C-alpha cells in the first residue's frame, strides 16, 4: 500500500478539504449562537483558541505548500482578528486575550520554520535555494 506523499496533489487536496471543514467548525463555534461551547471541549477558553488556530495554521501549511509560511501565519492571525471583531459586533464577547491566543497558536506553527531559516548561513538565506538546472549551468564544460 502506497503511503501518501505530503507534497502530492492528493495530500494537498485532502489538506484543503480538512481545512475547509475545520474552518467551518471553528467559524460556527466562534460566531454561532453557541457561546461557551468551547469550554466543554477544552476547559480554558484561551487554550481552545490556541488549539484551533494551531490546527488551522498547520492545515494551511499542508494545503498550500508553495505559499510563504509567514504569509499563511499572518493570514491566520488576520482571520482571528476578524472573528474577534465579528464577535463584538454580533453581541458576543470579542476579547483581546482570544486574539492573543489565536496569534500564539498560528505563530507556534511558524516558529520551527523561522528557527530553521535562522540557522542557515547568511549567504544561503540571501541566495535562496539552488535550482537543479542552475547548478548544472555553473559547472565548467
C-alpha atoms as a PDB file:
ATOM      1  CA  UNK A   1       0.000   0.000   0.000  1.00  0.00           C
ATOM      2  CA  UNK A   2       1.432   3.362  -1.041  1.00  0.00           C
ATOM      3  CA  UNK A   3       1.923   5.988   1.604  1.00  0.00           C
ATOM      4  CA  UNK A   4       0.505   9.431   0.895  1.00  0.00           C
ATOM      5  CA  UNK A   5       3.327  11.744  -0.181  1.00  0.00           C
ATOM      6  CA  UNK A   6       2.928  15.049   1.717  1.00  0.00           C
ATOM      7  CA  UNK A   7       3.719  17.048  -1.424  1.00  0.00           C
ATOM      8  CA  UNK A   8       1.401  15.125  -3.736  1.00  0.00           C
ATOM      9  CA  UNK A   9      -1.728  16.535  -5.278  1.00  0.00           C
ATOM     10  CA  UNK A  10      -3.829  14.081  -3.266  1.00  0.00           C
ATOM     11  CA  UNK A  11      -2.275  15.248   0.011  1.00  0.00           C
ATOM     12  CA  UNK A  12      -2.905  18.903  -0.853  1.00  0.00           C
ATOM     13  CA  UNK A  13      -6.499  18.138  -1.807  1.00  0.00           C
ATOM     14  CA  UNK A  14      -7.068  16.220   1.434  1.00  0.00           C
ATOM     15  CA  UNK A  15      -5.488  19.039   3.469  1.00  0.00           C
ATOM     16  CA  UNK A  16      -7.648  21.626   1.697  1.00  0.00           C
ATOM     17  CA  UNK A  17     -10.789  19.601   2.393  1.00  0.00           C
ATOM     18  CA  UNK A  18      -9.843  19.258   6.069  1.00  0.00           C
ATOM     19  CA  UNK A  19      -9.012  22.974   6.229  1.00  0.00           C
ATOM     20  CA  UNK A  20     -12.448  23.922   4.883  1.00  0.00           C
ATOM     21  CA  UNK A  21     -14.135  21.513   7.287  1.00  0.00           C
ATOM     22  CA  UNK A  22     -12.120  22.755  10.284  1.00  0.00           C
ATOM     23  CA  UNK A  23     -12.701  26.401   9.327  1.00  0.00           C
ATOM     24  CA  UNK A  24     -16.450  25.788   9.147  1.00  0.00           C
ATOM     25  CA  UNK A  25     -16.480  24.062  12.537  1.00  0.00           C
ATOM     26  CA  UNK A  26     -14.382  26.827  14.104  1.00  0.00           C
ATOM     27  CA  UNK A  27     -16.428  29.556  12.439  1.00  0.00           C
ATOM     28  CA  UNK A  28     -19.728  28.139  13.668  1.00  0.00           C
ATOM     29  CA  UNK A  29     -18.277  27.579  17.125  1.00  0.00           C
ATOM     30  CA  UNK A  30     -16.800  31.069  17.398  1.00  0.00           C
ATOM     31  CA  UNK A  31     -19.544  33.060  15.659  1.00  0.00           C
ATOM     32  CA  UNK A  32     -22.669  30.941  16.096  1.00  0.00           C
ATOM     33  CA  UNK A  33     -25.134  31.055  18.946  1.00  0.00           C
ATOM     34  CA  UNK A  34     -23.084  28.557  20.937  1.00  0.00           C
ATOM     35  CA  UNK A  35     -21.415  30.948  23.385  1.00  0.00           C
ATOM     36  CA  UNK A  36     -19.165  28.966  25.722  1.00  0.00           C
ATOM     37  CA  UNK A  37     -19.365  25.647  23.849  1.00  0.00           C
ATOM     38  CA  UNK A  38     -15.555  25.533  23.620  1.00  0.00           C
ATOM     39  CA  UNK A  39     -15.431  25.323  27.418  1.00  0.00           C
ATOM     40  CA  UNK A  40     -16.981  21.848  27.156  1.00  0.00           C
ATOM     41  CA  UNK A  41     -14.311  20.722  24.684  1.00  0.00           C
ATOM     42  CA  UNK A  42     -11.209  22.364  26.141  1.00  0.00           C
ATOM     43  CA  UNK A  43     -11.633  23.953  29.546  1.00  0.00           C
ATOM     44  CA  UNK A  44      -9.822  27.298  29.372  1.00  0.00           C
ATOM     45  CA  UNK A  45     -11.198  29.454  26.553  1.00  0.00           C
ATOM     46  CA  UNK A  46      -7.719  30.653  25.577  1.00  0.00           C
ATOM     47  CA  UNK A  47      -6.466  27.074  25.192  1.00  0.00           C
ATOM     48  CA  UNK A  48      -9.361  26.395  22.807  1.00  0.00           C
ATOM     49  CA  UNK A  49      -8.423  29.421  20.692  1.00  0.00           C
ATOM     50  CA  UNK A  50      -4.732  28.442  20.700  1.00  0.00           C
ATOM     51  CA  UNK A  51      -5.551  24.859  19.683  1.00  0.00           C
ATOM     52  CA  UNK A  52      -7.990  25.912  16.958  1.00  0.00           C
ATOM     53  CA  UNK A  53      -5.558  28.326  15.317  1.00  0.00           C
ATOM     54  CA  UNK A  54      -2.624  25.955  15.713  1.00  0.00           C
ATOM     55  CA  UNK A  55      -4.613  23.325  13.814  1.00  0.00           C
ATOM     56  CA  UNK A  56      -5.918  25.741  11.195  1.00  0.00           C
ATOM     57  CA  UNK A  57      -2.437  27.139  10.511  1.00  0.00           C
ATOM     58  CA  UNK A  58      -0.950  23.651  10.309  1.00  0.00           C
ATOM     59  CA  UNK A  59      -3.633  22.689   7.787  1.00  0.00           C
ATOM     60  CA  UNK A  60      -2.940  25.885   5.826  1.00  0.00           C
ATOM     61  CA  UNK A  61       0.755  24.976   5.627  1.00  0.00           C
ATOM     62  CA  UNK A  62      -0.171  21.498   4.331  1.00  0.00           C
ATOM     63  CA  UNK A  63      -2.886  22.706   1.960  1.00  0.00           C
ATOM     64  CA  UNK A  64      -0.716  25.378   0.341  1.00  0.00           C
ATOM     65  CA  UNK A  65       2.891  24.085   0.457  1.00  0.00           C
ATOM     66  CA  UNK A  66       4.131  26.536  -2.198  1.00  0.00           C
ATOM     67  CA  UNK A  67       2.995  29.654  -0.323  1.00  0.00           C
ATOM     68  CA  UNK A  68       5.229  31.582   2.015  1.00  0.00           C
ATOM     69  CA  UNK A  69       4.753  30.317   5.561  1.00  0.00           C
ATOM     70  CA  UNK A  70       4.849  33.788   7.090  1.00  0.00           C
ATOM     71  CA  UNK A  71       2.054  34.940   4.776  1.00  0.00           C
ATOM     72  CA  UNK A  72      -0.098  31.990   5.841  1.00  0.00           C
ATOM     73  CA  UNK A  73       0.568  32.633   9.538  1.00  0.00           C
ATOM     74  CA  UNK A  74      -0.302  36.334   9.117  1.00  0.00           C
ATOM     75  CA  UNK A  75      -3.474  35.323   7.254  1.00  0.00           C
ATOM     76  CA  UNK A  76      -4.477  33.072  10.165  1.00  0.00           C
ATOM     77  CA  UNK A  77      -3.904  35.949  12.606  1.00  0.00           C
ATOM     78  CA  UNK A  78      -5.958  38.267  10.370  1.00  0.00           C
ATOM     79  CA  UNK A  79      -8.802  35.730  10.377  1.00  0.00           C
ATOM     80  CA  UNK A  80      -8.576  35.596  14.178  1.00  0.00           C
ATOM     81  CA  UNK A  81      -8.802  39.400  14.291  1.00  0.00           C
ATOM     82  CA  UNK A  82     -11.834  39.376  12.007  1.00  0.00           C
ATOM     83  CA  UNK A  83     -13.537  36.756  14.170  1.00  0.00           C
ATOM     84  CA  UNK A  84     -12.994  38.822  17.321  1.00  0.00           C
ATOM     85  CA  UNK A  85     -14.380  41.932  15.596  1.00  0.00           C
ATOM     86  CA  UNK A  86     -17.410  39.966  14.342  1.00  0.00           C
ATOM     87  CA  UNK A  87     -17.968  38.588  17.833  1.00  0.00           C
ATOM     88  CA  UNK A  88     -18.041  42.109  19.243  1.00  0.00           C
ATOM     89  CA  UNK A  89     -20.445  43.262  16.512  1.00  0.00           C
ATOM     90  CA  UNK A  90     -22.828  40.306  16.966  1.00  0.00           C
ATOM     91  CA  UNK A  91     -23.161  40.788  20.711  1.00  0.00           C
ATOM     92  CA  UNK A  92     -20.703  38.126  21.817  1.00  0.00           C
ATOM     93  CA  UNK A  93     -17.577  38.794  23.821  1.00  0.00           C
ATOM     94  CA  UNK A  94     -14.753  39.804  21.480  1.00  0.00           C
ATOM     95  CA  UNK A  95     -11.636  39.714  23.635  1.00  0.00           C
ATOM     96  CA  UNK A  96      -8.057  40.814  23.060  1.00  0.00           C
ATOM     97  CA  UNK A  97      -6.971  37.753  25.040  1.00  0.00           C
ATOM     98  CA  UNK A  98      -8.646  35.498  22.491  1.00  0.00           C
ATOM     99  CA  UNK A  99      -6.811  37.302  19.685  1.00  0.00           C
ATOM    100  CA  UNK A 100      -3.518  36.839  21.533  1.00  0.00           C
ATOM    101  CA  UNK A 101      -4.285  33.115  21.895  1.00  0.00           C
ATOM    102  CA  UNK A 102      -5.165  32.903  18.176  1.00  0.00           C
ATOM    103  CA  UNK A 103      -1.895  34.602  17.223  1.00  0.00           C
ATOM    104  CA  UNK A 104       0.096  32.395  19.610  1.00  0.00           C
ATOM    105  CA  UNK A 105      -1.398  29.281  18.007  1.00  0.00           C
ATOM    106  CA  UNK A 106      -0.535  30.475  14.494  1.00  0.00           C
ATOM    107  CA  UNK A 107       2.974  31.556  15.493  1.00  0.00           C
ATOM    108  CA  UNK A 108       3.610  28.268  17.303  1.00  0.00           C
ATOM    109  CA  UNK A 109       3.303  26.548  13.928  1.00  0.00           C
ATOM    110  CA  UNK A 110       5.504  29.153  12.229  1.00  0.00           C
ATOM    111  CA  UNK A 111       8.242  29.163  14.922  1.00  0.00           C
ATOM    112  CA  UNK A 112      10.050  25.974  13.742  1.00  0.00           C
ATOM    113  CA  UNK A 113      10.046  27.305  10.164  1.00  0.00           C
ATOM    114  CA  UNK A 114      11.623  30.565  11.337  1.00  0.00           C
ATOM    115  CA  UNK A 115      14.174  28.753  13.510  1.00  0.00           C
ATOM    116  CA  UNK A 116      15.265  26.601  10.563  1.00  0.00           C
ATOM    117  CA  UNK A 117      15.640  29.729   8.424  1.00  0.00           C
ATOM    118  CA  UNK A 118      17.619  31.489  11.176  1.00  0.00           C
ATOM    119  CA  UNK A 119      20.020  28.555  11.451  1.00  0.00           C
ATOM    120  CA  UNK A 120      21.043  28.813   7.784  1.00  0.00           C
ATOM    121  CA  UNK A 121      24.217  30.734   6.976  1.00  0.00           C
ATOM    122  CA  UNK A 122      23.565  34.265   5.727  1.00  0.00           C
ATOM    123  CA  UNK A 123      24.860  33.508   2.220  1.00  0.00           C
ATOM    124  CA  UNK A 124      22.273  30.726   1.726  1.00  0.00           C
ATOM    125  CA  UNK A 125      19.459  32.940   3.018  1.00  0.00           C
ATOM    126  CA  UNK A 126      20.273  35.702   0.519  1.00  0.00           C
ATOM    127  CA  UNK A 127      20.887  33.424  -2.438  1.00  0.00           C
ATOM    128  CA  UNK A 128      17.866  31.181  -1.890  1.00  0.00           C
ATOM    129  CA  UNK A 129      17.631  27.512  -2.820  1.00  0.00           C
ATOM    130  CA  UNK A 130      19.680  26.226  -5.719  1.00  0.00           C
ATOM    131  CA  UNK A 131      17.654  25.064  -8.685  1.00  0.00           C
ATOM    132  CA  UNK A 132      18.870  21.829 -10.307  1.00  0.00           C
ATOM    133  CA  UNK A 133      19.173  23.453 -13.744  1.00  0.00           C
ATOM    134  CA  UNK A 134      21.056  26.457 -12.365  1.00  0.00           C
ATOM    135  CA  UNK A 135      23.633  24.216 -10.673  1.00  0.00           C
ATOM    136  CA  UNK A 136      24.436  22.488 -13.965  1.00  0.00           C
ATOM    137  CA  UNK A 137      24.798  25.779 -15.810  1.00  0.00           C
ATOM    138  CA  UNK A 138      27.598  26.870 -13.447  1.00  0.00           C
ATOM    139  CA  UNK A 139      29.619  23.692 -13.859  1.00  0.00           C
ATOM    140  CA  UNK A 140      32.572  24.026 -16.240  1.00  0.00           C
ATOM    141  CA  UNK A 141      32.104  22.228 -19.533  1.00  0.00           C
END
